[in-house]
Amino acid sequence: MKKSSYSVKGVHAEKDSQKLIEVIAAKVPISKVVIKKVFTAGGAWLKKKGRRELLRVRRADTLLAFGDAFEFYYDQDLLEKSAPLDECFVLEDNPRFCVWFKASGVLSQGTKYGDHCSLLRHLEVQTKREIFLIHRLDREVSGLMVFAYTRDAARRLSMLWSQNLVEKRYLALVYGHLKQSEGEITFPLDGKSAKSIYKVRELRADMTTLVEIKIISGRLHQIRRHMQMIGHPVVGDREHTGTDARVIERNKDWRSWPALAAISLSFSDPWGRKESDKRFHYEIDESLYVSFAKK
């Protein structure tokens, strides 16, 4: 059976002026046509001699110098994957940063095997400039994302996220009917404090609840884990379902993605000097872009 994935790691060029594609072709049993596709998809990496940073390299005919280090990652299934990038759209575009709606099924950024299914790469190709990722959304989660155009903007915006100064609201469809119309969930996650504030939007006849959630902290899968911990897992979330056999069975009939979307972002102008200075606020019409928001 033919192997569907290969990786080459920690290899150094033994002489000058070798084409990277020729060196890789001698180490992996795949065609040069496919190798070029891997380069385009972002699965090839190069670290120039004397440099610390490993960077993606897109040109297969890049010439190596003695001592250069390179890595190459190929996975047939990943290379053949696509993403609904045409469903993503921009809400704000200014000289410093932009705000986009990321569709479910689109990566925020790539992996070592490639970035052709990521919104970050999509913006790099569209704008033909360097783009800086400020925060992430899981591949399965749709919603608003912020990207910076300059290092200064990236530093200032990233600081807002790291200091929990961004108001983030999400919409989720969860199993069961919540007994309280609003409440707080404060169970620690990963040994750290975590706080989610929820408000019921709608109790549905199929025993699900449409709920709006604001997170104060930003732990991994915070909403999905918190909702499962209070007995109301997010519909379609196969990772945090608990042991309820009914939930597990119902998830089999659900789509591939958890019913969770980041619907609004609000933060102070990081270039402002006073508390009263401008705030940025971005919100999507969930009835148009979030499928589970509609009955």
C-alpha atoms as a PDB file:
ATOM      1  CA  MET A   1       0.000   0.000   0.000  1.00  0.00           C
ATOM      2  CA  LYS A   2       1.395   3.398  -1.004  1.00  0.00           C
ATOM      3  CA  LYS A   3       2.257   5.695   1.882  1.00  0.00           C
ATOM      4  CA  SER A   4       0.135   8.867   1.889  1.00  0.00           C
ATOM      5  CA  SER A   5       2.362  11.109   4.034  1.00  0.00           C
ATOM      6  CA  TYR A   6       6.067  11.937   4.266  1.00  0.00           C
ATOM      7  CA  SER A   7       8.153  14.370   6.261  1.00  0.00           C
ATOM      8  CA  VAL A   8      11.750  15.493   6.027  1.00  0.00           C
ATOM      9  CA  LYS A   9      13.072  17.272   9.105  1.00  0.00           C
ATOM     10  CA  GLY A  10      16.352  18.759  10.273  1.00  0.00           C
ATOM     11  CA  VAL A  11      18.235  18.239   6.997  1.00  0.00           C
ATOM     12  CA  HIS A  12      21.101  20.570   6.092  1.00  0.00           C
ATOM     13  CA  ALA A  13      22.352  21.427   2.635  1.00  0.00           C
ATOM     14  CA  GLU A  14      25.732  19.805   1.970  1.00  0.00           C
ATOM     15  CA  LYS A  15      26.815  22.189  -0.786  1.00  0.00           C
ATOM     16  CA  ASP A  16      25.915  25.497  -2.442  1.00  0.00           C
ATOM     17  CA  SER A  17      23.544  26.189  -5.332  1.00  0.00           C
ATOM     18  CA  GLN A  18      21.368  23.087  -5.012  1.00  0.00           C
ATOM     19  CA  LYS A  19      17.740  23.569  -5.953  1.00  0.00           C
ATOM     20  CA  LEU A  20      15.536  22.747  -2.999  1.00  0.00           C
ATOM     21  CA  ILE A  21      13.125  20.687  -5.119  1.00  0.00           C
ATOM     22  CA  GLU A  22      15.992  18.477  -6.349  1.00  0.00           C
ATOM     23  CA  VAL A  23      17.194  17.745  -2.832  1.00  0.00           C
ATOM     24  CA  ILE A  24      13.681  16.936  -1.598  1.00  0.00           C
ATOM     25  CA  ALA A  25      12.914  14.776  -4.661  1.00  0.00           C
ATOM     26  CA  ALA A  26      15.924  12.632  -3.762  1.00  0.00           C
ATOM     27  CA  LYS A  27      14.534  12.019  -0.277  1.00  0.00           C
ATOM     28  CA  VAL A  28      10.811  11.319  -0.846  1.00  0.00           C
ATOM     29  CA  PRO A  29       9.193   8.953  -3.391  1.00  0.00           C
ATOM     30  CA  ILE A  30       6.704  11.415  -4.802  1.00  0.00           C
ATOM     31  CA  SER A  31       6.688  13.246  -8.136  1.00  0.00           C
ATOM     32  CA  LYS A  32       8.071  16.734  -8.633  1.00  0.00           C
ATOM     33  CA  VAL A  33       4.609  17.863  -9.727  1.00  0.00           C
ATOM     34  CA  VAL A  34       3.258  16.915  -6.311  1.00  0.00           C
ATOM     35  CA  ILE A  35       6.276  18.395  -4.548  1.00  0.00           C
ATOM     36  CA  LYS A  36       5.576  21.733  -6.255  1.00  0.00           C
ATOM     37  CA  LYS A  37       1.979  21.565  -5.014  1.00  0.00           C
ATOM     38  CA  VAL A  38       3.269  21.092  -1.479  1.00  0.00           C
ATOM     39  CA  PHE A  39       5.421  24.213  -1.876  1.00  0.00           C
ATOM     40  CA  THR A  40       2.402  26.210  -3.054  1.00  0.00           C
ATOM     41  CA  ALA A  41       0.266  24.825  -0.214  1.00  0.00           C
ATOM     42  CA  GLY A  42       2.866  25.873   2.382  1.00  0.00           C
ATOM     43  CA  GLY A  43       4.392  22.550   3.422  1.00  0.00           C
ATOM     44  CA  ALA A  44       8.045  23.441   2.741  1.00  0.00           C
ATOM     45  CA  TRP A  45      10.241  25.313   5.249  1.00  0.00           C
ATOM     46  CA  LEU A  46      13.700  26.849   5.146  1.00  0.00           C
ATOM     47  CA  LYS A  47      16.072  28.202   7.780  1.00  0.00           C
ATOM     48  CA  LYS A  48      19.035  30.082   6.338  1.00  0.00           C
ATOM     49  CA  LYS A  49      22.396  29.357   7.894  1.00  0.00           C
ATOM     50  CA  GLY A  50      22.960  31.592  10.907  1.00  0.00           C
ATOM     51  CA  ARG A  51      19.270  32.422  11.266  1.00  0.00           C
ATOM     52  CA  ARG A  52      16.981  31.167  14.039  1.00  0.00           C
ATOM     53  CA  GLU A  53      13.615  31.376  12.329  1.00  0.00           C
ATOM     54  CA  LEU A  54      12.194  28.627  10.149  1.00  0.00           C
ATOM     55  CA  LEU A  55      10.105  30.209   7.369  1.00  0.00           C
ATOM     56  CA  ARG A  56       7.759  28.824   4.740  1.00  0.00           C
ATOM     57  CA  VAL A  57       9.221  28.792   1.264  1.00  0.00           C
ATOM     58  CA  ARG A  58       6.921  28.809  -1.772  1.00  0.00           C
ATOM     59  CA  ARG A  59       9.421  28.593  -4.640  1.00  0.00           C
ATOM     60  CA  ALA A  60      10.475  25.036  -5.429  1.00  0.00           C
ATOM     61  CA  ASP A  61      13.536  26.273  -7.347  1.00  0.00           C
ATOM     62  CA  THR A  62      14.937  28.134  -4.315  1.00  0.00           C
ATOM     63  CA  LEU A  63      18.715  27.747  -4.239  1.00  0.00           C
ATOM     64  CA  LEU A  64      20.280  26.382  -1.065  1.00  0.00           C
ATOM     65  CA  ALA A  65      23.536  27.539   0.461  1.00  0.00           C
ATOM     66  CA  PHE A  66      25.814  25.221   2.408  1.00  0.00           C
ATOM     67  CA  GLY A  67      24.470  24.836   5.939  1.00  0.00           C
ATOM     68  CA  ASP A  68      20.889  25.902   5.182  1.00  0.00           C
ATOM     69  CA  ALA A  69      18.337  23.717   6.989  1.00  0.00           C
ATOM     70  CA  PHE A  70      15.026  22.691   5.467  1.00  0.00           C
ATOM     71  CA  GLU A  71      11.917  20.726   6.332  1.00  0.00           C
ATOM     72  CA  PHE A  72       9.220  19.271   4.100  1.00  0.00           C
ATOM     73  CA  TYR A  73       5.765  17.981   5.088  1.00  0.00           C
ATOM     74  CA  TYR A  74       3.462  16.097   2.754  1.00  0.00           C
ATOM     75  CA  ASP A  75       0.098  14.556   3.543  1.00  0.00           C
ATOM     76  CA  GLN A  76      -1.999  13.504   0.580  1.00  0.00           C
ATOM     77  CA  ASP A  77      -5.345  13.915   2.348  1.00  0.00           C
ATOM     78  CA  LEU A  78      -4.480  17.389   3.647  1.00  0.00           C
ATOM     79  CA  LEU A  79      -3.090  18.499   0.302  1.00  0.00           C
ATOM     80  CA  GLU A  80      -6.342  17.543  -1.417  1.00  0.00           C
ATOM     81  CA  LYS A  81      -8.552  19.301   1.131  1.00  0.00           C
ATOM     82  CA  SER A  82     -10.334  22.532   0.333  1.00  0.00           C
ATOM     83  CA  ALA A  83     -12.071  25.139   2.467  1.00  0.00           C
ATOM     84  CA  PRO A  84     -15.086  27.414   1.868  1.00  0.00           C
ATOM     85  CA  LEU A  85     -12.951  30.545   1.623  1.00  0.00           C
ATOM     86  CA  ASP A  86     -15.532  32.096  -0.708  1.00  0.00           C
ATOM     87  CA  GLU A  87     -17.899  32.252   2.284  1.00  0.00           C
ATOM     88  CA  CYS A  88     -15.507  34.527   4.184  1.00  0.00           C
ATOM     89  CA  PHE A  89     -15.895  38.294   3.852  1.00  0.00           C
ATOM     90  CA  VAL A  90     -14.441  41.540   5.183  1.00  0.00           C
ATOM     91  CA  LEU A  91     -16.263  43.899   7.579  1.00  0.00           C
ATOM     92  CA  GLU A  92     -13.498  46.440   8.147  1.00  0.00           C
ATOM     93  CA  ASP A  93     -10.376  47.298   6.185  1.00  0.00           C
ATOM     94  CA  ASN A  94      -8.174  50.207   7.234  1.00  0.00           C
ATOM     95  CA  PRO A  95      -4.427  50.926   6.914  1.00  0.00           C
ATOM     96  CA  ARG A  96      -3.668  49.251  10.255  1.00  0.00           C
ATOM     97  CA  PHE A  97      -5.914  46.203  10.499  1.00  0.00           C
ATOM     98  CA  CYS A  98      -8.857  44.361   9.018  1.00  0.00           C
ATOM     99  CA  VAL A  99     -11.801  42.396  10.421  1.00  0.00           C
ATOM    100  CA  TRP A 100     -13.121  39.320   8.616  1.00  0.00           C
ATOM    101  CA  PHE A 101     -15.903  36.797   9.019  1.00  0.00           C
ATOM    102  CA  LYS A 102     -14.390  33.296   9.019  1.00  0.00           C
ATOM    103  CA  ALA A 103     -16.682  30.528   7.806  1.00  0.00           C
ATOM    104  CA  SER A 104     -16.889  27.106   9.459  1.00  0.00           C
ATOM    105  CA  GLY A 105     -14.361  24.740   7.930  1.00  0.00           C
ATOM    106  CA  VAL A 106     -11.709  27.421   7.384  1.00  0.00           C
ATOM    107  CA  LEU A 107      -8.507  27.379   9.441  1.00  0.00           C
ATOM    108  CA  SER A 108      -7.401  30.584  11.162  1.00  0.00           C
ATOM    109  CA  GLN A 109      -3.806  29.822  10.207  1.00  0.00           C
ATOM    110  CA  GLY A 110      -1.968  26.909   8.676  1.00  0.00           C
ATOM    111  CA  THR A 111      -0.030  23.982  10.138  1.00  0.00           C
ATOM    112  CA  LYS A 112       3.423  22.696   9.258  1.00  0.00           C
ATOM    113  CA  TYR A 113       1.753  20.679   6.466  1.00  0.00           C
ATOM    114  CA  GLY A 114       0.336  23.764   4.772  1.00  0.00           C
ATOM    115  CA  ASP A 115      -1.838  26.855   4.972  1.00  0.00           C
ATOM    116  CA  HIS A 116      -3.879  26.730   1.753  1.00  0.00           C
ATOM    117  CA  CYS A 117      -7.102  26.201   3.748  1.00  0.00           C
ATOM    118  CA  SER A 118      -6.466  29.115   6.116  1.00  0.00           C
ATOM    119  CA  LEU A 119      -7.921  32.606   6.186  1.00  0.00           C
ATOM    120  CA  LEU A 120      -4.490  34.063   6.992  1.00  0.00           C
ATOM    121  CA  ARG A 121      -3.031  32.735   3.734  1.00  0.00           C
ATOM    122  CA  HIS A 122      -6.142  33.798   1.821  1.00  0.00           C
ATOM    123  CA  LEU A 123      -5.536  37.389   2.963  1.00  0.00           C
ATOM    124  CA  GLU A 124      -1.824  37.228   2.138  1.00  0.00           C
ATOM    125  CA  VAL A 125      -2.637  36.145  -1.409  1.00  0.00           C
ATOM    126  CA  GLN A 126      -5.366  38.774  -1.808  1.00  0.00           C
ATOM    127  CA  THR A 127      -3.379  41.705  -0.429  1.00  0.00           C
ATOM    128  CA  LYS A 128       0.113  40.584  -1.520  1.00  0.00           C
ATOM    129  CA  ARG A 129       1.505  41.780   1.808  1.00  0.00           C
ATOM    130  CA  GLU A 130       2.507  40.406   5.203  1.00  0.00           C
ATOM    131  CA  ILE A 131      -0.456  39.739   7.490  1.00  0.00           C
ATOM    132  CA  PHE A 132      -0.253  39.322  11.273  1.00  0.00           C
ATOM    133  CA  LEU A 133      -2.582  36.951  13.124  1.00  0.00           C
ATOM    134  CA  ILE A 134      -4.002  38.507  16.327  1.00  0.00           C
ATOM    135  CA  HIS A 135      -6.159  35.687  17.689  1.00  0.00           C
ATOM    136  CA  ARG A 136      -7.614  32.360  16.592  1.00  0.00           C
ATOM    137  CA  LEU A 137     -10.912  30.592  16.128  1.00  0.00           C
ATOM    138  CA  ASP A 138     -11.159  26.832  15.885  1.00  0.00           C
ATOM    139  CA  ARG A 139     -11.597  25.496  12.371  1.00  0.00           C
ATOM    140  CA  GLU A 140     -15.132  24.381  13.235  1.00  0.00           C
ATOM    141  CA  VAL A 141     -16.199  27.754  14.662  1.00  0.00           C
ATOM    142  CA  SER A 142     -17.403  30.571  12.424  1.00  0.00           C
ATOM    143  CA  GLY A 143     -17.173  34.228  13.333  1.00  0.00           C
ATOM    144  CA  LEU A 144     -15.181  37.449  13.497  1.00  0.00           C
ATOM    145  CA  MET A 145     -11.401  37.617  13.327  1.00  0.00           C
ATOM    146  CA  VAL A 146      -8.947  40.518  13.439  1.00  0.00           C
ATOM    147  CA  PHE A 147      -5.699  40.651  11.430  1.00  0.00           C
ATOM    148  CA  ALA A 148      -3.016  43.361  11.508  1.00  0.00           C
ATOM    149  CA  TYR A 149      -1.178  44.903   8.565  1.00  0.00           C
ATOM    150  CA  THR A 150       1.843  46.236  10.499  1.00  0.00           C
ATOM    151  CA  ARG A 151       4.047  45.020  13.340  1.00  0.00           C
ATOM    152  CA  ASP A 152       3.033  48.012  15.437  1.00  0.00           C
ATOM    153  CA  ALA A 153      -0.666  47.248  14.937  1.00  0.00           C
ATOM    154  CA  ALA A 154      -0.056  43.581  15.721  1.00  0.00           C
ATOM    155  CA  ARG A 155       1.701  44.479  18.976  1.00  0.00           C
ATOM    156  CA  ARG A 156      -1.003  46.903  20.106  1.00  0.00           C
ATOM    157  CA  LEU A 157      -3.938  44.667  19.176  1.00  0.00           C
ATOM    158  CA  SER A 158      -2.339  41.514  20.607  1.00  0.00           C
ATOM    159  CA  MET A 159      -1.898  43.319  23.900  1.00  0.00           C
ATOM    160  CA  LEU A 160      -5.659  43.908  24.100  1.00  0.00           C
ATOM    161  CA  TRP A 161      -6.301  40.198  23.653  1.00  0.00           C
ATOM    162  CA  SER A 162      -3.609  39.076  26.100  1.00  0.00           C
ATOM    163  CA  GLN A 163      -4.959  41.437  28.770  1.00  0.00           C
ATOM    164  CA  ASN A 164      -8.588  40.331  28.224  1.00  0.00           C
ATOM    165  CA  LEU A 165      -9.593  43.853  27.147  1.00  0.00           C
ATOM    166  CA  VAL A 166     -11.703  42.677  24.215  1.00  0.00           C
ATOM    167  CA  GLU A 167     -15.428  42.065  24.664  1.00  0.00           C
ATOM    168  CA  LYS A 168     -16.282  38.876  22.776  1.00  0.00           C
ATOM    169  CA  ARG A 169     -19.814  37.603  22.276  1.00  0.00           C
ATOM    170  CA  TYR A 170     -20.742  34.214  20.881  1.00  0.00           C
ATOM    171  CA  LEU A 171     -23.934  32.499  19.833  1.00  0.00           C
ATOM    172  CA  ALA A 172     -24.418  28.806  20.567  1.00  0.00           C
ATOM    173  CA  LEU A 173     -27.119  26.188  20.276  1.00  0.00           C
ATOM    174  CA  VAL A 174     -27.003  23.808  23.235  1.00  0.00           C
ATOM    175  CA  TYR A 175     -28.880  20.682  24.228  1.00  0.00           C
ATOM    176  CA  GLY A 176     -31.665  20.951  26.789  1.00  0.00           C
ATOM    177  CA  HIS A 177     -33.511  23.930  28.230  1.00  0.00           C
ATOM    178  CA  LEU A 178     -31.511  26.097  30.606  1.00  0.00           C
ATOM    179  CA  LYS A 179     -33.483  26.700  33.807  1.00  0.00           C
ATOM    180  CA  GLN A 180     -32.147  30.218  34.329  1.00  0.00           C
ATOM    181  CA  SER A 181     -32.547  32.910  31.695  1.00  0.00           C
ATOM    182  CA  GLU A 182     -29.028  34.152  32.454  1.00  0.00           C
ATOM    183  CA  GLY A 183     -26.085  33.167  34.580  1.00  0.00           C
ATOM    184  CA  GLU A 184     -22.348  32.819  35.030  1.00  0.00           C
ATOM    185  CA  ILE A 185     -20.115  29.765  34.742  1.00  0.00           C
ATOM    186  CA  THR A 186     -16.874  30.029  36.689  1.00  0.00           C
ATOM    187  CA  PHE A 187     -15.405  26.531  36.682  1.00  0.00           C
ATOM    188  CA  PRO A 188     -11.582  26.731  36.385  1.00  0.00           C
ATOM    189  CA  LEU A 189     -10.111  25.283  33.195  1.00  0.00           C
ATOM    190  CA  ASP A 190      -6.604  23.874  32.894  1.00  0.00           C
ATOM    191  CA  GLY A 191      -5.853  25.045  36.410  1.00  0.00           C
ATOM    192  CA  LYS A 192      -6.715  28.663  35.583  1.00  0.00           C
ATOM    193  CA  SER A 193      -9.706  30.861  36.340  1.00  0.00           C
ATOM    194  CA  ALA A 194     -12.347  31.025  33.610  1.00  0.00           C
ATOM    195  CA  LYS A 195     -15.618  32.922  33.389  1.00  0.00           C
ATOM    196  CA  SER A 196     -18.454  32.663  30.861  1.00  0.00           C
ATOM    197  CA  ILE A 197     -21.615  34.774  31.090  1.00  0.00           C
ATOM    198  CA  TYR A 198     -24.670  33.467  29.264  1.00  0.00           C
ATOM    199  CA  LYS A 199     -28.114  34.786  28.371  1.00  0.00           C
ATOM    200  CA  VAL A 200     -30.896  32.668  26.906  1.00  0.00           C
ATOM    201  CA  ARG A 201     -32.149  33.878  23.544  1.00  0.00           C
ATOM    202  CA  GLU A 202     -34.702  31.169  22.768  1.00  0.00           C
ATOM    203  CA  LEU A 203     -36.015  27.879  24.158  1.00  0.00           C
ATOM    204  CA  ARG A 204     -36.823  25.626  21.222  1.00  0.00           C
ATOM    205  CA  ALA A 205     -39.392  22.877  20.845  1.00  0.00           C
ATOM    206  CA  ASP A 206     -36.713  20.292  19.985  1.00  0.00           C
ATOM    207  CA  MET A 207     -35.271  20.681  23.509  1.00  0.00           C
ATOM    208  CA  THR A 208     -32.385  22.908  22.498  1.00  0.00           C
ATOM    209  CA  THR A 209     -31.592  26.446  23.625  1.00  0.00           C
ATOM    210  CA  LEU A 210     -30.180  29.316  21.607  1.00  0.00           C
ATOM    211  CA  VAL A 211     -27.872  31.138  23.999  1.00  0.00           C
ATOM    212  CA  GLU A 212     -25.644  34.217  23.795  1.00  0.00           C
ATOM    213  CA  ILE A 213     -22.353  33.917  25.657  1.00  0.00           C
ATOM    214  CA  LYS A 214     -19.708  36.441  26.649  1.00  0.00           C
ATOM    215  CA  ILE A 215     -16.350  35.103  27.771  1.00  0.00           C
ATOM    216  CA  ILE A 216     -14.195  37.058  30.182  1.00  0.00           C
ATOM    217  CA  SER A 217     -11.163  34.786  30.011  1.00  0.00           C
ATOM    218  CA  GLY A 218      -9.976  32.952  26.928  1.00  0.00           C
ATOM    219  CA  ARG A 219      -9.227  29.315  27.748  1.00  0.00           C
ATOM    220  CA  LEU A 220      -9.028  26.511  25.198  1.00  0.00           C
ATOM    221  CA  HIS A 221     -12.548  25.473  24.082  1.00  0.00           C
ATOM    222  CA  GLN A 222     -13.880  27.512  27.010  1.00  0.00           C
ATOM    223  CA  ILE A 223     -17.508  27.787  25.895  1.00  0.00           C
ATOM    224  CA  ARG A 224     -17.760  24.186  24.755  1.00  0.00           C
ATOM    225  CA  ARG A 225     -16.249  22.874  27.999  1.00  0.00           C
ATOM    226  CA  HIS A 226     -18.223  25.204  30.275  1.00  0.00           C
ATOM    227  CA  MET A 227     -21.554  24.359  28.660  1.00  0.00           C
ATOM    228  CA  GLN A 228     -20.822  20.636  28.925  1.00  0.00           C
ATOM    229  CA  MET A 229     -19.900  21.074  32.595  1.00  0.00           C
ATOM    230  CA  ILE A 230     -23.360  22.484  33.395  1.00  0.00           C
ATOM    231  CA  GLY A 231     -25.088  19.703  31.487  1.00  0.00           C
ATOM    232  CA  HIS A 232     -25.865  21.572  28.248  1.00  0.00           C
ATOM    233  CA  PRO A 233     -23.237  20.611  25.636  1.00  0.00           C
ATOM    234  CA  VAL A 234     -23.053  22.531  22.386  1.00  0.00           C
ATOM    235  CA  VAL A 235     -24.990  20.826  19.608  1.00  0.00           C
ATOM    236  CA  GLY A 236     -22.657  19.076  17.193  1.00  0.00           C
ATOM    237  CA  ASP A 237     -19.641  19.193  19.510  1.00  0.00           C
ATOM    238  CA  ARG A 238     -18.390  15.604  19.437  1.00  0.00           C
ATOM    239  CA  GLU A 239     -15.352  16.397  21.580  1.00  0.00           C
ATOM    240  CA  HIS A 240     -17.145  17.696  24.668  1.00  0.00           C
ATOM    241  CA  THR A 241     -20.362  15.660  24.825  1.00  0.00           C
ATOM    242  CA  GLY A 242     -19.943  13.944  28.182  1.00  0.00           C
ATOM    243  CA  THR A 243     -21.406  10.459  28.572  1.00  0.00           C
ATOM    244  CA  ASP A 244     -25.072  11.194  27.798  1.00  0.00           C
ATOM    245  CA  ALA A 245     -26.010   8.542  25.223  1.00  0.00           C
ATOM    246  CA  ARG A 246     -28.892  10.680  23.917  1.00  0.00           C
ATOM    247  CA  VAL A 247     -26.552  13.582  23.128  1.00  0.00           C
ATOM    248  CA  ILE A 248     -24.046  11.287  21.447  1.00  0.00           C
ATOM    249  CA  GLU A 249     -26.806   9.785  19.290  1.00  0.00           C
ATOM    250  CA  ARG A 250     -28.300  13.168  18.333  1.00  0.00           C
ATOM    251  CA  ASN A 251     -24.868  14.486  17.327  1.00  0.00           C
ATOM    252  CA  LYS A 252     -24.676  11.759  14.684  1.00  0.00           C
ATOM    253  CA  ASP A 253     -27.481  13.509  12.801  1.00  0.00           C
ATOM    254  CA  TRP A 254     -25.887  16.951  13.123  1.00  0.00           C
ATOM    255  CA  ARG A 255     -23.542  18.648  10.677  1.00  0.00           C
ATOM    256  CA  SER A 256     -19.782  18.394  10.976  1.00  0.00           C
ATOM    257  CA  TRP A 257     -19.350  21.590  13.026  1.00  0.00           C
ATOM    258  CA  PRO A 258     -20.373  22.590  16.574  1.00  0.00           C
ATOM    259  CA  ALA A 259     -23.230  25.104  16.618  1.00  0.00           C
ATOM    260  CA  LEU A 260     -21.024  27.948  17.848  1.00  0.00           C
ATOM    261  CA  ALA A 261     -20.177  31.321  16.278  1.00  0.00           C
ATOM    262  CA  ALA A 262     -18.267  34.457  17.334  1.00  0.00           C
ATOM    263  CA  ILE A 263     -20.804  37.164  16.522  1.00  0.00           C
ATOM    264  CA  SER A 264     -19.267  40.382  17.879  1.00  0.00           C
ATOM    265  CA  LEU A 265     -16.021  42.040  18.960  1.00  0.00           C
ATOM    266  CA  SER A 266     -15.595  45.317  20.796  1.00  0.00           C
ATOM    267  CA  PHE A 267     -12.388  46.976  21.989  1.00  0.00           C
ATOM    268  CA  SER A 268     -10.880  50.371  22.753  1.00  0.00           C
ATOM    269  CA  ASP A 269      -8.777  52.136  20.152  1.00  0.00           C
ATOM    270  CA  PRO A 270      -5.234  50.922  20.960  1.00  0.00           C
ATOM    271  CA  TRP A 271      -3.898  54.168  19.466  1.00  0.00           C
ATOM    272  CA  GLY A 272      -6.104  56.325  21.713  1.00  0.00           C
ATOM    273  CA  ARG A 273      -4.827  58.185  24.753  1.00  0.00           C
ATOM    274  CA  LYS A 274      -7.957  58.544  26.876  1.00  0.00           C
ATOM    275  CA  GLU A 275     -10.637  56.214  28.223  1.00  0.00           C
ATOM    276  CA  SER A 276     -13.205  58.208  26.269  1.00  0.00           C
ATOM    277  CA  ASP A 277     -11.428  57.690  22.970  1.00  0.00           C
ATOM    278  CA  LYS A 278     -12.960  55.765  20.121  1.00  0.00           C
ATOM    279  CA  ARG A 279     -14.067  52.142  20.520  1.00  0.00           C
ATOM    280  CA  PHE A 280     -14.198  49.696  17.677  1.00  0.00           C
ATOM    281  CA  HIS A 281     -17.286  47.510  17.494  1.00  0.00           C
ATOM    282  CA  TYR A 282     -18.003  44.833  14.913  1.00  0.00           C
ATOM    283  CA  GLU A 283     -21.027  42.601  14.719  1.00  0.00           C
ATOM    284  CA  ILE A 284     -22.509  40.236  12.150  1.00  0.00           C
ATOM    285  CA  ASP A 285     -26.165  39.680  11.362  1.00  0.00           C
ATOM    286  CA  GLU A 286     -26.348  36.124  12.687  1.00  0.00           C
ATOM    287  CA  SER A 287     -29.648  35.489  10.924  1.00  0.00           C
ATOM    288  CA  LEU A 288     -27.751  35.783   7.628  1.00  0.00           C
ATOM    289  CA  TYR A 289     -24.467  34.086   8.417  1.00  0.00           C
ATOM    290  CA  VAL A 290     -25.129  31.646  11.273  1.00  0.00           C
ATOM    291  CA  SER A 291     -27.239  28.729  10.087  1.00  0.00           C
ATOM    292  CA  PHE A 292     -28.359  27.529  13.540  1.00  0.00           C
ATOM    293  CA  ALA A 293     -29.558  31.025  14.496  1.00  0.00           C
ATOM    294  CA  LYS A 294     -32.606  30.322  12.339  1.00  0.00           C
ATOM    295  CA  LYS A 295     -35.211  27.761  13.400  1.00  0.00           C
END
